[in-house]
Protein backbone atom coordinates (compact mmCIF):
# COMPACT_ATOMS: atom_id res chain seq x y z
CA MET A 1 -22.84 -108.46 -7.12
CA MET A 2 -24.77 -105.88 -9.11
CA ASN A 3 -27.15 -103.73 -7.07
CA ARG A 4 -30.50 -105.07 -8.29
CA ALA A 5 -32.56 -102.22 -6.82
CA ARG A 6 -30.46 -99.61 -8.58
CA PHE A 7 -30.58 -101.53 -11.83
CA GLY A 8 -34.35 -101.88 -11.49
CA ALA A 9 -34.69 -98.10 -11.17
CA PHE A 10 -32.34 -97.69 -14.11
CA LEU A 11 -34.38 -100.16 -16.20
CA ALA A 12 -37.61 -98.31 -15.40
CA GLY A 13 -36.05 -95.05 -16.55
CA TRP A 14 -34.71 -96.67 -19.70
CA THR A 15 -38.14 -98.11 -20.55
CA LEU A 16 -39.73 -94.69 -20.14
CA ALA A 17 -37.08 -93.12 -22.36
CA ALA A 18 -37.58 -95.78 -25.03
CA ALA A 19 -41.33 -95.14 -24.96
CA CYS A 20 -40.70 -91.42 -25.42
CA GLY A 21 -38.43 -92.20 -28.35
CA ALA A 22 -41.11 -94.40 -29.92
CA LEU A 23 -43.72 -91.64 -29.55
CA HIS A 24 -41.31 -89.13 -31.03
CA ALA A 25 -40.84 -91.38 -34.05
CA GLN A 26 -44.52 -91.05 -35.05
CA THR A 27 -45.58 -88.67 -37.80
CA PRO A 28 -48.19 -85.99 -36.97
CA GLU A 29 -50.84 -88.21 -38.55
CA GLY A 30 -49.95 -91.02 -36.19
CA GLY A 31 -48.27 -93.25 -38.76
CA GLU A 32 -44.70 -94.48 -38.26
CA THR A 33 -41.87 -93.02 -40.27
CA VAL A 34 -39.72 -95.42 -42.22
CA ALA A 35 -36.39 -96.21 -40.54
CA GLY A 36 -33.65 -94.00 -41.91
CA GLU A 37 -36.00 -91.30 -43.30
CA GLU A 38 -36.08 -87.77 -41.95
CA ALA A 39 -39.23 -86.68 -40.14
CA PRO A 40 -41.28 -83.94 -41.85
CA ALA A 41 -40.16 -80.40 -41.10
CA THR A 42 -43.42 -79.79 -39.22
CA SER A 43 -42.83 -82.71 -36.83
CA PRO A 44 -42.21 -81.13 -33.40
CA PRO A 45 -39.30 -82.25 -31.21
CA LEU A 46 -39.95 -84.06 -27.94
CA ILE A 47 -39.39 -80.84 -25.97
CA ASP A 48 -38.40 -77.61 -27.72
CA ALA A 49 -38.37 -74.29 -25.92
CA PRO A 50 -37.24 -71.19 -27.85
CA ASN A 51 -33.66 -71.43 -26.58
CA VAL A 52 -33.53 -74.98 -25.20
CA GLN A 53 -33.55 -78.34 -26.94
CA PHE A 54 -33.64 -81.65 -25.12
CA SER A 55 -32.53 -85.01 -26.51
CA GLY A 56 -31.61 -88.40 -25.16
CA PHE A 57 -30.08 -91.76 -25.91
CA GLY A 58 -29.99 -95.18 -24.34
CA THR A 59 -28.82 -98.76 -24.63
CA LEU A 60 -30.33 -101.83 -23.03
CA GLY A 61 -27.76 -104.56 -23.47
CA ALA A 62 -26.81 -107.96 -22.12
CA VAL A 63 -23.67 -110.02 -22.59
CA TYR A 64 -23.45 -113.78 -21.98
CA THR A 65 -20.12 -115.51 -21.30
CA ASP A 66 -19.88 -119.20 -22.21
CA ASP A 67 -17.19 -119.86 -19.58
CA SER A 68 -18.65 -120.40 -16.12
CA LYS A 69 -15.39 -119.40 -14.39
CA VAL A 70 -14.97 -115.89 -15.85
CA ARG A 71 -17.11 -112.89 -16.69
CA PHE A 72 -16.77 -110.23 -19.37
CA ILE A 73 -15.85 -106.77 -18.13
CA ARG A 74 -15.11 -103.38 -19.64
CA PRO A 75 -12.01 -102.58 -17.55
CA SER A 76 -12.41 -99.48 -15.34
CA THR A 77 -15.85 -98.88 -16.90
CA ASN A 78 -18.26 -101.30 -15.23
CA HIS A 79 -18.30 -103.37 -12.05
CA PRO A 80 -17.35 -107.04 -12.51
CA GLY A 81 -20.52 -108.98 -11.79
CA LYS A 82 -21.37 -112.61 -11.19
CA GLU A 83 -24.60 -112.50 -13.21
CA ASN A 84 -24.67 -114.29 -16.54
CA PRO A 85 -25.96 -112.71 -18.71
CA ASP A 86 -24.75 -109.39 -17.35
CA PHE A 87 -26.73 -106.21 -18.08
CA GLY A 88 -24.19 -103.90 -16.46
CA ALA A 89 -21.51 -103.84 -19.16
CA ASP A 90 -23.52 -102.10 -21.89
CA SER A 91 -26.78 -100.66 -20.54
CA LEU A 92 -26.93 -96.90 -20.15
CA LEU A 93 -29.31 -93.95 -20.30
CA GLY A 94 -28.39 -90.39 -21.21
CA ALA A 95 -30.13 -87.01 -21.49
CA GLN A 96 -28.82 -83.79 -22.99
CA ALA A 97 -29.85 -80.14 -23.03
CA ASN A 98 -28.54 -77.69 -25.63
CA ILE A 99 -29.18 -74.13 -24.48
CA THR A 100 -28.65 -71.19 -26.83
CA LEU A 101 -27.50 -68.19 -24.81
CA GLY A 102 -26.90 -65.77 -27.67
CA PRO A 103 -25.81 -65.53 -31.30
CA HIS A 104 -22.32 -66.78 -30.44
CA SER A 105 -22.67 -68.67 -27.16
CA ALA A 106 -24.31 -71.89 -25.98
CA LEU A 107 -24.42 -74.20 -22.98
CA VAL A 108 -24.45 -78.00 -23.30
CA LEU A 109 -25.39 -80.25 -20.37
CA GLN A 110 -25.44 -84.05 -20.50
CA ALA A 111 -25.96 -86.66 -17.79
CA VAL A 112 -25.43 -90.41 -18.18
CA SER A 113 -26.56 -93.23 -15.91
CA ARG A 114 -24.64 -96.48 -16.27
CA GLU A 115 -22.98 -98.98 -14.00
CA ASP A 116 -19.59 -97.67 -12.94
CA ALA A 117 -16.55 -99.51 -11.60
CA LEU A 118 -18.00 -99.40 -8.09
CA GLY A 119 -21.40 -100.85 -9.13
CA SER A 120 -23.38 -97.59 -8.88
CA TYR A 121 -25.91 -96.30 -11.43
CA LYS A 122 -25.81 -92.76 -10.03
CA PRO A 123 -26.13 -90.29 -12.96
CA ARG A 124 -22.90 -88.51 -13.83
CA ALA A 125 -22.41 -85.19 -15.59
CA SER A 126 -20.65 -86.33 -18.75
CA LEU A 127 -20.86 -82.95 -20.54
CA ALA A 128 -21.14 -79.48 -19.01
CA PHE A 129 -19.50 -76.78 -21.09
CA LEU A 130 -19.95 -73.26 -22.39
CA SER A 131 -19.03 -72.59 -26.01
CA TRP A 132 -18.28 -69.34 -27.77
CA ALA A 133 -18.04 -69.08 -31.56
CA PHE A 134 -15.60 -66.32 -32.49
CA THR A 135 -16.29 -67.05 -36.15
CA PRO A 136 -18.24 -69.80 -37.94
CA ASN A 137 -14.95 -71.73 -38.08
CA VAL A 138 -13.46 -71.04 -34.63
CA THR A 139 -15.14 -72.15 -31.39
CA VAL A 140 -13.78 -72.37 -27.86
CA ARG A 141 -15.35 -74.63 -25.21
CA ALA A 142 -14.77 -74.46 -21.46
CA GLY A 143 -16.02 -76.88 -18.82
CA ARG A 144 -16.49 -80.65 -19.05
CA VAL A 145 -16.06 -82.24 -22.49
CA ARG A 146 -15.28 -85.73 -23.71
CA THR A 147 -11.71 -86.93 -23.39
CA PRO A 148 -10.63 -86.71 -27.05
CA PHE A 149 -8.29 -89.70 -26.96
CA PHE A 150 -10.03 -91.83 -29.62
CA MET A 151 -11.44 -91.38 -33.09
CA LEU A 152 -15.01 -91.95 -31.87
CA SER A 153 -14.72 -90.27 -28.46
CA GLU A 154 -17.62 -87.89 -29.12
CA THR A 155 -20.08 -90.77 -29.60
CA ILE A 156 -18.55 -93.32 -27.23
CA ASP A 157 -21.77 -93.54 -25.16
CA ILE A 158 -24.25 -92.96 -28.00
CA ASN A 159 -24.17 -96.55 -29.17
CA TYR A 160 -26.87 -95.97 -31.80
CA SER A 161 -24.28 -93.90 -33.71
CA ASN A 162 -21.76 -96.75 -33.69
CA PRO A 163 -21.99 -100.04 -35.59
CA TRP A 164 -21.11 -102.28 -32.62
CA ILE A 165 -22.82 -103.02 -29.32
CA ARG A 166 -19.82 -101.35 -27.68
CA PRO A 167 -16.57 -99.85 -28.98
CA PRO A 168 -13.89 -102.59 -29.05
CA THR A 169 -12.53 -103.01 -25.51
CA GLU A 170 -9.02 -103.80 -26.77
CA VAL A 171 -8.76 -100.19 -28.00
CA TYR A 172 -11.24 -98.14 -25.96
CA SER A 173 -10.35 -99.59 -22.55
CA MET A 174 -6.69 -98.70 -22.97
CA PHE A 175 -7.25 -95.20 -21.58
CA PRO A 176 -10.65 -95.34 -19.85
CA PHE A 177 -10.88 -91.71 -18.66
CA LYS A 178 -14.14 -90.40 -20.14
CA GLU A 179 -14.44 -86.69 -19.26
CA LEU A 180 -11.99 -83.83 -19.51
CA ASP A 181 -12.45 -80.78 -17.29
CA GLY A 182 -10.74 -77.90 -19.03
CA VAL A 183 -10.79 -75.97 -22.29
CA ASP A 184 -10.50 -76.89 -25.95
CA LEU A 185 -10.58 -75.17 -29.33
CA LEU A 186 -12.29 -76.28 -32.56
CA VAL A 187 -10.86 -74.76 -35.74
CA SER A 188 -12.32 -75.91 -39.06
CA GLY A 189 -11.40 -75.12 -42.65
CA SER A 190 -10.56 -76.60 -46.04
CA LEU A 191 -7.22 -77.92 -47.20
CA GLY A 192 -6.46 -79.79 -50.41
CA GLY A 193 -10.09 -80.72 -50.99
CA PHE A 194 -10.54 -81.98 -47.40
CA ASP A 195 -12.70 -80.51 -44.66
CA VAL A 196 -10.22 -80.27 -41.80
CA GLU A 197 -10.74 -79.74 -38.07
CA PHE A 198 -7.91 -78.91 -35.66
CA HIS A 199 -8.71 -79.68 -32.01
CA PRO A 200 -6.20 -78.71 -29.30
CA TYR A 201 -7.18 -79.29 -25.65
CA PHE A 202 -6.00 -78.86 -22.06
CA GLY A 203 -7.47 -80.03 -18.74
CA SER A 204 -7.71 -82.75 -16.09
CA SER A 205 -9.73 -85.91 -15.46
CA ASN A 206 -10.69 -88.38 -12.70
CA LEU A 207 -11.53 -92.07 -12.74
CA SER A 208 -12.97 -94.48 -10.18
CA ILE A 209 -11.39 -97.92 -10.20
CA TYR A 210 -12.80 -101.24 -8.99
CA GLN A 211 -12.17 -101.89 -5.28
CA SER A 212 -12.07 -98.18 -4.41
CA GLY A 213 -9.01 -97.24 -6.43
CA ARG A 214 -8.62 -93.84 -8.06
CA GLY A 215 -6.92 -92.42 -11.12
CA LYS A 216 -6.28 -88.76 -11.91
CA LEU A 217 -4.92 -86.98 -14.97
CA ARG A 218 -3.27 -83.59 -14.58
CA ASN A 219 -1.98 -81.14 -17.16
CA VAL A 220 -3.58 -83.06 -20.00
CA ARG A 221 -2.46 -81.41 -23.22
CA GLY A 222 -2.71 -82.49 -26.80
CA ALA A 223 -4.26 -81.99 -30.19
CA ASN A 224 -6.25 -83.94 -32.78
CA ILE A 225 -6.64 -83.41 -36.52
CA SER A 226 -9.49 -84.89 -38.56
CA ALA A 227 -9.85 -84.64 -42.33
CA THR A 228 -12.98 -85.57 -44.30
CA ARG A 229 -13.48 -85.81 -48.03
CA GLY A 230 -16.62 -87.41 -49.39
CA HIS A 231 -17.05 -90.80 -47.72
CA LEU A 232 -13.53 -90.83 -46.22
CA THR A 233 -12.51 -89.58 -42.76
CA MET A 234 -8.99 -89.68 -41.33
CA PHE A 235 -8.08 -88.94 -37.72
CA PHE A 236 -4.77 -88.36 -35.95
CA GLY A 237 -4.07 -87.31 -32.38
CA HIS A 238 -1.45 -87.12 -29.67
CA GLY A 239 -1.75 -86.21 -26.00
CA GLU A 240 0.40 -86.12 -22.87
CA ALA A 241 -0.42 -85.94 -19.17
CA ASP A 242 0.87 -86.21 -15.65
CA PHE A 243 -1.13 -88.75 -13.69
CA SER A 244 -1.63 -90.59 -10.45
CA LEU A 245 -2.98 -94.11 -10.03
CA LYS A 246 -3.70 -95.52 -6.60
CA TRP A 247 -4.83 -99.09 -6.05
CA LYS A 248 -6.75 -99.99 -2.89
CA GLY A 249 -7.99 -103.48 -3.66
CA GLU A 250 -7.35 -106.62 -1.68
CA ASP A 251 -4.76 -107.85 -4.17
CA PHE A 252 -2.67 -104.68 -3.90
CA ARG A 253 -2.92 -104.53 -0.11
CA LEU A 254 -1.78 -108.14 0.15
CA LEU A 255 1.08 -107.58 -2.31
CA ALA A 256 2.19 -104.40 -0.52
CA SER A 257 2.14 -106.19 2.84
CA ASN A 258 4.32 -109.00 1.49
CA LEU A 259 6.81 -106.62 -0.14
CA ARG A 260 7.13 -104.73 3.16
CA ARG A 261 7.88 -107.79 5.25
CA THR A 262 10.65 -107.44 7.80
CA LEU A 263 13.25 -109.97 8.89
CA PHE A 264 11.91 -109.68 12.42
CA PRO A 265 9.45 -107.32 14.13
CA GLY A 266 10.83 -103.80 13.86
CA GLY A 267 13.82 -105.03 11.90
CA PRO A 268 15.14 -104.36 8.38
CA PRO A 269 13.04 -105.26 5.32
CA LEU A 270 13.19 -108.75 3.89
CA VAL A 271 12.62 -107.44 0.34
CA VAL A 272 15.32 -104.86 -0.21
CA ASN A 273 13.62 -103.36 -3.30
CA GLY A 274 10.03 -103.74 -2.07
CA GLU A 275 9.36 -99.99 -1.85
CA ASP A 276 10.92 -99.45 -5.30
CA ILE A 277 8.51 -101.99 -6.80
CA LEU A 278 5.53 -100.39 -5.06
CA ARG A 279 6.57 -96.96 -6.38
CA ASP A 280 6.31 -98.43 -9.89
CA LEU A 281 2.81 -99.77 -9.22
CA SER A 282 0.96 -96.96 -7.43
CA GLY A 283 1.51 -93.28 -6.67
CA ASN A 284 1.33 -89.67 -7.82
CA ASP A 285 4.34 -89.25 -10.11
CA GLY A 286 3.19 -90.76 -13.40
CA GLU A 287 3.89 -89.30 -16.84
CA GLY A 288 2.48 -90.70 -20.04
CA ASP A 289 1.56 -90.04 -23.64
CA PHE A 290 -1.08 -91.42 -25.94
CA SER A 291 -1.22 -91.49 -29.75
CA VAL A 292 -4.03 -92.46 -32.10
CA ALA A 293 -4.56 -92.87 -35.83
CA GLY A 294 -7.87 -93.84 -37.42
CA VAL A 295 -9.68 -94.05 -40.73
CA GLN A 296 -13.33 -94.54 -41.67
CA TRP A 297 -15.09 -95.07 -45.01
CA ASP A 298 -18.89 -94.94 -45.14
CA ASP A 299 -20.69 -94.57 -48.49
CA GLY A 300 -24.09 -95.65 -47.16
CA LYS A 301 -23.57 -99.22 -48.35
CA TRP A 302 -20.10 -100.23 -47.22
CA LEU A 303 -18.58 -99.34 -43.86
CA PHE A 304 -14.90 -99.70 -42.97
CA ILE A 305 -13.29 -98.56 -39.71
CA GLY A 306 -9.71 -98.91 -38.59
CA GLU A 307 -8.03 -97.50 -35.50
CA TYR A 308 -4.59 -97.82 -33.90
CA ASN A 309 -3.61 -96.52 -30.45
CA LYS A 310 -0.39 -96.51 -28.48
CA LEU A 311 0.15 -95.78 -24.77
CA ARG A 312 3.45 -95.13 -23.01
CA ALA A 313 3.95 -94.40 -19.31
CA ASN A 314 6.92 -94.14 -17.00
CA ARG A 315 5.08 -96.05 -14.23
CA TYR A 316 1.67 -97.26 -12.97
CA ALA A 317 0.56 -98.39 -16.45
CA HIS A 318 2.14 -100.62 -19.04
CA HIS A 319 3.38 -99.62 -22.49
CA ALA A 320 0.87 -101.03 -24.95
CA HIS A 321 -0.58 -100.73 -28.42
CA ALA A 322 -4.02 -101.71 -29.67
CA TRP A 323 -5.87 -101.87 -32.96
CA GLU A 324 -9.20 -102.78 -34.52
CA LEU A 325 -10.55 -103.31 -38.04
CA THR A 326 -14.27 -103.37 -38.86
CA ALA A 327 -16.05 -104.06 -42.15
CA GLY A 328 -19.83 -103.92 -42.67
CA ARG A 329 -22.26 -104.11 -45.59
CA ARG A 330 -25.77 -102.64 -45.47
CA PHE A 331 -28.72 -104.49 -46.99
CA GLY A 332 -31.64 -102.14 -46.43
CA ASP A 333 -32.23 -101.99 -42.67
CA PHE A 334 -29.73 -104.80 -41.97
CA MET A 335 -25.96 -104.57 -41.69
CA PRO A 336 -23.84 -107.65 -40.96
CA TYR A 337 -20.30 -106.80 -39.90
CA VAL A 338 -17.06 -108.36 -38.80
CA MET A 339 -14.44 -106.96 -36.48
CA VAL A 340 -10.98 -108.13 -35.47
CA ALA A 341 -9.07 -106.44 -32.65
CA GLY A 342 -5.97 -106.83 -30.54
CA HIS A 343 -4.25 -105.35 -27.49
CA SER A 344 -0.57 -106.08 -26.84
CA GLU A 345 1.69 -105.20 -23.94
CA ASP A 346 4.99 -103.69 -25.07
CA ARG A 347 6.47 -103.29 -21.57
CA PRO A 348 5.06 -104.31 -18.17
CA ILE A 349 4.29 -101.79 -15.43
CA THR A 350 7.50 -102.80 -13.70
CA SER A 351 10.35 -105.04 -14.79
CA GLN A 352 11.82 -105.31 -11.28
CA ARG A 353 12.00 -108.69 -9.58
CA VAL A 354 12.03 -109.33 -5.86
CA GLN A 355 15.47 -109.15 -4.23
CA LEU A 356 15.78 -110.62 -0.74
CA ALA A 357 18.09 -109.37 1.97
CA VAL A 358 18.77 -112.98 3.02
CA PRO A 359 18.07 -116.19 1.10
CA VAL A 360 14.81 -117.79 2.20
CA PRO A 361 13.95 -120.98 0.30
CA GLY A 362 10.92 -120.43 -1.95
CA ALA A 363 10.21 -116.90 -0.69
CA ALA A 364 11.41 -115.01 -3.77
CA GLU A 365 9.51 -117.33 -6.10
CA GLN A 366 6.30 -116.93 -4.08
CA LEU A 367 6.60 -113.13 -3.91
CA ASN A 368 7.36 -112.87 -7.64
CA ALA A 369 4.35 -115.06 -8.40
CA GLY A 370 2.14 -112.63 -6.46
CA LEU A 371 3.69 -109.70 -8.33
CA ASP A 372 3.13 -111.43 -11.69
CA SER A 373 -0.54 -112.07 -10.87
CA PHE A 374 -1.04 -108.41 -9.94
CA LEU A 375 0.58 -107.27 -13.18
CA ALA A 376 -1.51 -109.74 -15.20
CA SER A 377 -4.74 -108.41 -13.70
CA ARG A 378 -3.81 -104.94 -15.06
CA ASN A 379 -2.79 -106.27 -18.47
CA LEU A 380 -5.55 -106.12 -21.13
CA SER A 381 -3.65 -108.08 -23.79
CA GLN A 382 -5.87 -110.28 -25.94
CA LYS A 383 -7.05 -110.79 -29.50
CA SER A 384 -10.65 -111.16 -30.60
CA ALA A 385 -12.84 -111.74 -33.63
CA THR A 386 -16.48 -110.59 -33.72
CA LEU A 387 -19.36 -111.39 -36.04
CA GLY A 388 -22.29 -108.99 -35.65
CA LEU A 389 -25.62 -107.95 -37.12
CA ARG A 390 -27.35 -104.59 -36.83
CA TRP A 391 -31.05 -104.17 -37.64
CA ASP A 392 -32.52 -100.66 -37.77
CA PHE A 393 -36.05 -101.94 -37.24
CA PHE A 394 -37.58 -98.60 -36.21
CA ARG A 395 -36.73 -94.94 -36.57
CA ASN A 396 -33.82 -94.04 -34.27
CA THR A 397 -33.83 -97.60 -32.88
CA ALA A 398 -31.44 -100.44 -33.62
CA LEU A 399 -31.16 -104.06 -32.51
CA LYS A 400 -27.65 -105.55 -32.46
CA LEU A 401 -26.40 -109.09 -32.04
CA GLU A 402 -22.74 -110.06 -31.61
CA PHE A 403 -20.72 -113.24 -31.22
CA THR A 404 -17.11 -112.73 -30.08
CA HIS A 405 -14.28 -115.21 -29.70
CA ALA A 406 -11.45 -113.85 -27.53
CA ARG A 407 -8.06 -115.32 -26.73
CA ILE A 408 -6.45 -113.90 -23.57
CA SER A 409 -2.69 -113.46 -23.88
CA ASN A 410 -0.07 -114.94 -21.57
CA ARG A 411 0.33 -113.04 -18.29
CA SER A 412 -2.92 -111.17 -18.89
CA TRP A 413 -6.58 -111.08 -17.86
CA GLY A 414 -7.74 -109.32 -21.03
CA SER A 415 -11.36 -108.12 -20.89
CA PHE A 416 -12.40 -110.74 -18.33
CA TYR A 417 -12.54 -111.21 -14.58
CA PRO A 418 -12.73 -114.34 -12.40
CA LYS A 419 -16.22 -115.12 -11.18
CA GLU A 420 -14.81 -116.32 -7.87
CA LEU A 421 -11.82 -114.27 -6.77
CA SER A 422 -9.32 -115.34 -4.11
CA PHE A 423 -5.71 -114.27 -3.71
CA ASP A 424 -4.76 -117.09 -1.35
CA ASP A 425 -3.14 -119.02 -4.19
CA THR A 426 -2.12 -116.77 -7.08
CA SER A 427 -1.02 -119.75 -9.17
CA LYS A 428 -4.69 -120.73 -9.49
CA LEU A 429 -5.51 -117.32 -10.94
CA ASP A 430 -2.60 -117.65 -13.38
CA LYS A 431 -3.85 -121.01 -14.64
CA LEU A 432 -7.44 -119.74 -14.77
CA MET A 433 -6.88 -116.51 -16.71
CA TRP A 434 -3.67 -116.72 -18.72
CA LYS A 435 -3.99 -117.90 -22.35
CA ARG A 436 -7.70 -118.69 -21.93
CA SER A 437 -10.18 -118.72 -24.86
CA VAL A 438 -13.63 -117.29 -24.11
CA ASN A 439 -16.76 -116.79 -26.21
CA THR A 440 -19.36 -114.11 -25.54
CA ILE A 441 -22.79 -113.41 -27.03
CA GLY A 442 -24.14 -109.87 -26.83
CA VAL A 443 -27.51 -108.32 -27.63
CA SER A 444 -28.59 -104.68 -27.32
CA VAL A 445 -31.32 -102.24 -28.27
CA ASP A 446 -30.05 -98.70 -28.93
CA VAL A 447 -32.29 -95.65 -29.15
CA THR A 448 -32.00 -91.90 -29.60
CA PHE A 449 -34.83 -89.48 -29.02
């Protein structure tokens, strides 16, 4: 269950931040600026020291699930809660400091408070890097930056900058590592009438997983290329990494215990390939690669976004691909939009089946059923369709409403989690989650200040 005291403190901080944003949106004469217009040049920032600028952003959101047996979750991002509606999936508060150190150097610090996979709202350093501009077109950054695995990685937490309440989970939950500790290079220029940016990177990353699991990326290396011309932006990227993924939840402990059963106390194993299966599911020897292609068109009236991602791994994670398409039309301060998205498993985490040393009636079937349920809980495969409305009702403030219909794929849990979880009978979980249709309603207020 969500920690209500921590969320109460978070909500108080968010309310204060929203009030600061509202005050900042006033003109010097005290009148409100019209949404979408720039403030006069004489309008002072919230806090502006000679070499330091502070800014912030926040989202107060709630998502309601129409199915009483499951709850919406952003896998490996927020803690699965029993509340309905749930404020933990989308609500967050962030603050940033941009510090100019000299004509070529700067320091950027950003902290974000949001519910994590363990249910904590403890602020986390999401950005902490030094940058050095060798030329106006070449900048190196060292420290903590965003993991650049998606087209909209730089604004993944600044929901005001995005059309949706949240980036589509089918795509953006595929590789949920959010920060990269390392070094990257930004090289910009012009080519064939396009403004082009080349972005190579190298580093490492860590991730907390529900039920005290842990994921780590090592030797992350890759590069992105973005090209912009007028209203059109195209994005391509590819990255590779060594990684570890260790599960510590009740379901994994139970599965591991069953796969390590012995014929008799101190005797040989009953499951002859039990350790081989476990080595596919959890450990330190993972290798994977991730590719992305995206396109965006925004002429101020029409908005189109498309993104395709593909993940491959030798173990611990499944091969999968995901996509999303969004179309929106602005009518003054309002923008209705539609989005369709999908996530498909190309290969499961392991294709091994239980092999017994001696035939035991029903044992192999029962053990394989437990293995299938574990694999399904790590499979995000689903398809969804979303109808949304964004209303920029105040400067730097937007209200969003979304209705989503999702269909969970076979042998998958998708973006949902059982409200009541028990591993005593895995067949019940299979019937509950697999091929289930679920509707959600989301509402959020996004601000920047």
